[in-house]
C-alpha atoms as a PDB file:
ATOM      1  CA  MET A   1     -34.947  -7.883  -0.613  1.00  0.00           C
ATOM      2  CA  PHE A   2     -33.089  -9.758   2.132  1.00  0.00           C
ATOM      3  CA  GLU A   3     -29.430 -10.683   1.519  1.00  0.00           C
ATOM      4  CA  ALA A   4     -27.492 -13.061   3.812  1.00  0.00           C
ATOM      5  CA  THR A   5     -24.070 -11.856   4.859  1.00  0.00           C
ATOM      6  CA  GLN A   6     -21.071 -13.969   5.496  1.00  0.00           C
ATOM      7  CA  GLU A   7     -21.273 -13.024   9.169  1.00  0.00           C
ATOM      8  CA  MET A   8     -24.885 -14.559   9.290  1.00  0.00           C
ATOM      9  CA  ARG A   9     -23.873 -17.785   7.374  1.00  0.00           C
ATOM     10  CA  ALA A  10     -20.923 -18.155   9.726  1.00  0.00           C
ATOM     11  CA  LEU A  11     -22.905 -17.814  12.930  1.00  0.00           C
ATOM     12  CA  VAL A  12     -25.482 -20.381  11.658  1.00  0.00           C
ATOM     13  CA  ARG A  13     -22.875 -22.814  10.883  1.00  0.00           C
ATOM     14  CA  GLU A  14     -21.080 -22.380  14.099  1.00  0.00           C
ATOM     15  CA  GLN A  15     -24.417 -22.799  16.075  1.00  0.00           C
ATOM     16  CA  LEU A  16     -25.435 -25.851  13.924  1.00  0.00           C
ATOM     17  CA  ALA A  17     -22.153 -27.485  15.151  1.00  0.00           C
ATOM     18  CA  ARG A  18     -23.548 -27.348  18.733  1.00  0.00           C
ATOM     19  CA  GLU A  19     -27.243 -27.137  18.516  1.00  0.00           C
ATOM     20  CA  GLY A  20     -30.257 -27.719  16.304  1.00  0.00           C
ATOM     21  CA  LEU A  21     -31.457 -25.446  13.511  1.00  0.00           C
ATOM     22  CA  ALA A  22     -34.073 -23.560  15.563  1.00  0.00           C
ATOM     23  CA  SER A  23     -31.401 -22.540  18.065  1.00  0.00           C
ATOM     24  CA  ALA A  24     -29.010 -21.434  15.357  1.00  0.00           C
ATOM     25  CA  LEU A  25     -31.746 -19.405  13.557  1.00  0.00           C
ATOM     26  CA  ARG A  26     -32.691 -17.773  16.957  1.00  0.00           C
ATOM     27  CA  ALA A  27     -29.090 -16.777  17.568  1.00  0.00           C
ATOM     28  CA  VAL A  28     -28.919 -15.126  14.176  1.00  0.00           C
ATOM     29  CA  ALA A  29     -32.217 -13.457  14.729  1.00  0.00           C
ATOM     30  CA  LEU A  30     -31.088 -12.041  18.018  1.00  0.00           C
ATOM     31  CA  GLN A  31     -27.753 -10.923  16.838  1.00  0.00           C
ATOM     32  CA  PHE A  32     -28.739  -9.270  13.522  1.00  0.00           C
ATOM     33  CA  GLY A  33     -32.425  -8.285  14.385  1.00  0.00           C
ATOM     34  CA  LEU A  34     -34.020 -10.553  11.822  1.00  0.00           C
ATOM     35  CA  ASN A  35     -37.701 -11.628  11.673  1.00  0.00           C
ATOM     36  CA  LYS A  36     -39.004 -14.888  10.594  1.00  0.00           C
ATOM     37  CA  THR A  37     -39.318 -13.803   6.927  1.00  0.00           C
ATOM     38  CA  SER A  38     -35.609 -12.870   6.830  1.00  0.00           C
ATOM     39  CA  LEU A  39     -34.758 -16.198   8.534  1.00  0.00           C
ATOM     40  CA  ALA A  40     -36.652 -18.080   5.987  1.00  0.00           C
ATOM     41  CA  TRP A  41     -34.660 -16.384   3.114  1.00  0.00           C
ATOM     42  CA  LEU A  42     -31.493 -17.137   5.102  1.00  0.00           C
ATOM     43  CA  ALA A  43     -32.557 -20.850   5.142  1.00  0.00           C
ATOM     44  CA  VAL A  44     -33.041 -20.722   1.350  1.00  0.00           C
ATOM     45  CA  ASP A  45     -29.591 -19.233   1.124  1.00  0.00           C
ATOM     46  CA  LEU A  46     -27.992 -21.901   3.416  1.00  0.00           C
ATOM     47  CA  TYR A  47     -29.775 -24.999   2.222  1.00  0.00           C
ATOM     48  CA  ALA A  48     -29.771 -26.723  -1.198  1.00  0.00           C
ATOM     49  CA  ASP A  49     -33.287 -28.323  -1.086  1.00  0.00           C
ATOM     50  CA  VAL A  50     -35.606 -25.803   0.618  1.00  0.00           C
ATOM     51  CA  MET A  51     -39.279 -26.230  -0.355  1.00  0.00           C
ATOM     52  CA  THR A  52     -42.157 -23.896   0.107  1.00  0.00           C
ATOM     53  CA  SER A  53     -43.350 -26.057   3.105  1.00  0.00           C
ATOM     54  CA  ASP A  54     -39.944 -25.526   4.830  1.00  0.00           C
ATOM     55  CA  VAL A  55     -40.302 -21.749   4.515  1.00  0.00           C
ATOM     56  CA  GLN A  56     -43.864 -21.909   5.802  1.00  0.00           C
ATOM     57  CA  ALA A  57     -42.616 -24.025   8.849  1.00  0.00           C
ATOM     58  CA  ILE A  58     -40.183 -21.160   9.700  1.00  0.00           C
ATOM     59  CA  TRP A  59     -43.010 -18.601   9.203  1.00  0.00           C
ATOM     60  CA  HIS A  60     -45.214 -20.578  11.756  1.00  0.00           C
ATOM     61  CA  TRP A  61     -42.370 -21.190  14.220  1.00  0.00           C
ATOM     62  CA  ASP A  62     -42.504 -19.704  17.754  1.00  0.00           C
ATOM     63  CA  LEU A  63     -39.444 -17.731  17.434  1.00  0.00           C
ATOM     64  CA  ALA A  64     -40.371 -15.168  20.287  1.00  0.00           C
ATOM     65  CA  GLY A  65     -41.226 -18.134  22.538  1.00  0.00           C
ATOM     66  CA  HIS A  66     -44.768 -17.033  23.476  1.00  0.00           C
ATOM     67  CA  GLY A  67     -46.258 -20.549  23.119  1.00  0.00           C
ATOM     68  CA  THR A  68     -47.895 -20.057  19.881  1.00  0.00           C
ATOM     69  CA  GLY A  69     -46.613 -21.899  16.531  1.00  0.00           C
ATOM     70  CA  HIS A  70     -44.111 -24.693  16.154  1.00  0.00           C
ATOM     71  CA  THR A  71     -41.750 -25.428  18.969  1.00  0.00           C
ATOM     72  CA  ASP A  72     -38.020 -25.495  18.532  1.00  0.00           C
ATOM     73  CA  ALA A  73     -38.033 -29.323  18.557  1.00  0.00           C
ATOM     74  CA  GLU A  74     -40.850 -29.497  16.119  1.00  0.00           C
ATOM     75  CA  LEU A  75     -39.075 -27.072  13.600  1.00  0.00           C
ATOM     76  CA  ASP A  76     -35.818 -29.118  14.048  1.00  0.00           C
ATOM     77  CA  GLU A  77     -37.798 -32.216  12.987  1.00  0.00           C
ATOM     78  CA  MET A  78     -39.648 -30.552  10.209  1.00  0.00           C
ATOM     79  CA  LEU A  79     -36.437 -29.420   8.596  1.00  0.00           C
ATOM     80  CA  SER A  80     -34.100 -32.306   9.460  1.00  0.00           C
ATOM     81  CA  HIS A  81     -34.231 -33.334   5.892  1.00  0.00           C
ATOM     82  CA  LEU A  82     -32.403 -30.210   4.670  1.00  0.00           C
ATOM     83  CA  ASN A  83     -28.761 -30.396   3.442  1.00  0.00           C
ATOM     84  CA  VAL A  84     -26.418 -27.527   4.056  1.00  0.00           C
ATOM     85  CA  LYS A  85     -24.869 -26.092   0.750  1.00  0.00           C
ATOM     86  CA  PRO A  86     -21.158 -26.500   0.571  1.00  0.00           C
ATOM     87  CA  PHE A  87     -19.424 -22.922   0.804  1.00  0.00           C
END
């Protein structure tokens, strides 16, 4: 099972201060070699109110940039209701 590390959490938080969630998740995916399933688990770890539909949005996101799935802007909009857990 996936377990988020402090380094992953820190990178997401750092990226969120500058960019949207999609960019933050992409940065973590690239640095740590994560797939969309692991990114969804990371979102569950980081956010207090993640629902099944939010996880599914990440699964259907175009992480690789091939033009299929949700765009970064769409994912950011779909997940804009999430609130980061305090750490």
